[in-house]
Amino acid sequence: MSAAPTPRKFRSATNLVHGGTLRSQFGETSEALFLTQGYVYPNMESAEARFKGDDPGFIYSRFSNPTVAMFEKRVAMLEDAESARATATGMAAVTAAILGQLKAGDHVVSPKALFGSCRYIVEELLPRFGVSSTLIDGTDLDQWRAAMRPNTTVTFLESPTNPQLEIIDIAAVADIAHKAGATLVVDNVFATPLLQSPLKLGADCVVYSSTKHMDGQGRALGGVIVASEDFIQTHIHNFLRQTGPAISPFNAWIMLKGLETLPVRLMAQQKSAERIADFLAAQPEVARVLYPTRKDHPQHALAMRQMSGGGSVIAFDVKGGKDAAFRFGNALEIVKISNNLGDAKSLLTHPATTTHQRIGPLARAESGIGDGMLRLSCGLEDVEDLIDDIKAGLKAVG
C-alpha cells in the first residue's frame, strides 16, 4: 500500500475527504476496512526488523492498523499537527493524554467546570496513584497562576466547557502552564477542529471524543489524541501500546466516513443553534441562554477571539428548576432525550440528573449547573420544526 500523493497543501474540507488515504493494490475508492488482528511477515528477519522499529510496517492491531492509521492521519492534517493516536472512546483519549505524562508525586491543575467523567479522572482517580490535583475557576487567570506548584506537570481544560459553555483563554493558560514547566491538554470536543485550534493557541495536546461530531450520526465510539510527534512518542505511543485502549478498525472506518461530511454538518447545525439560541433568549419561560457568539455570553469577547463560530450546542435555564426542565423535555417530539451530542438528530439532556449527577449538588453549584439547566445539541432537522418543538416544550413549562 502507498499513501496518496499530496502535491500541494489543501484546505480542511478537502483533507477531510482525501487526507491520509492508503490504497491497496485493488485501487478502491472508499477507504478499505482492515479487520485483522495481526500481520504476516515474509520472513523471520522481517519480523525482527518490524519489532525493532527498523521496518515501519504494521505489527498488531492493538496499536497499529491501516484503517486506524488513515483516521489518525486525517485528524492530524485537520489540526495541522504532526501526529495523532486514536482510542476506543473519548474518555480513553483523555485518560491516556493525562496519565501518560504523570508519575506519583506530580500535580495537576484543572477547572471545576469539567464533564463528569473528566472531573472523576482529575479529582478521584489520580490521587489514588499519588498524583494530587487542584480545581479552580478556569475563567480566572489569577487562580491558574496561584494553583501552579513546583511539581505541577499537567494542566487540563475543556473550552467550551460541558455543559455551561464557559470559554477559557487557552493561549493565556498555555503561557502560565509553560512558565511553570507544565503542559496543557485541551478537550476541544464542543468546538471541533473546524472552529478552534488549541495547538495554534499554545496547547501541547488536544483530545476529542470522535463519538460526537466526527462520527456525527450516533453509530460508533471513538477518541483521538493530537499533538507533536515528540509529544506522542514521549508520552502517548508506548502508553497506548502497553495498556491497550485501542479503537476498533471498524469504528475508525466509520469515523473516516463521518469526517467527509463534518464541515457540511457542523455549519448547518451551527446555523440552527444560532437561530434557536436567539429564539430561546426572547422567551419568558427561559431565565438564561448560554451560546458563545451571543453578546450576552460572559466570555463573548474571548469566544470571538479564539473561536470561528459558536458550535452546535446551547445551554439554557428554564424557570422552575428540575420539574420545569423535565416538563420541557417530556413535551418534545422531534428533539430526543439523550446524553450524546454532535449528532444529526437534535438531542436534549438534563446535566444535573445525567452527565453531572454523580459529582453532587455542591460541585454542580460551583460549576454553574442548576436544576433548571438543559443542554441542547442541535441536529440537522429543519430549524422551523425544531423551534415549533421547543415552543411545545415551553408551553409545558409555562
Foldseek 3Di string as FASTA:
>chain_A
DDQDDDPDQDALLVLLQRNQADDDPVRDPAGDQDQDFADDDPDPVRLVCCVVVVDVDDGGQLQDDSLQRSLFRSLQSLLVAATKGKFQALVVQLLLLPVLFDAAPAEEEEELQAFQSSCCCQPPVVVVRRYYYDYHHQQDLVVLLVPQDLRHAEYEYEALGPPQNDGHQLLSSLVSQVVSVYAYEYEDAQQRSVWFRSVVSRHAKYKYFCCAQLLQANDHTMMMMTHHPVSCVRGHNVSSVVPRRGHRSVRSSSSSVSSSCSVVWWVLLQVLQVVVQVVLVPDPQWDDKAFQCDPPHPCNVSSVVGTPGRTRKIKTFGPDFQVLQVLLQVQFDQEDDDPGANHQGKYKYQCCVPRNVVVDDVSCVVNVRTRRMMMIGGHNDDSVSVVVRSVRSSVSSD
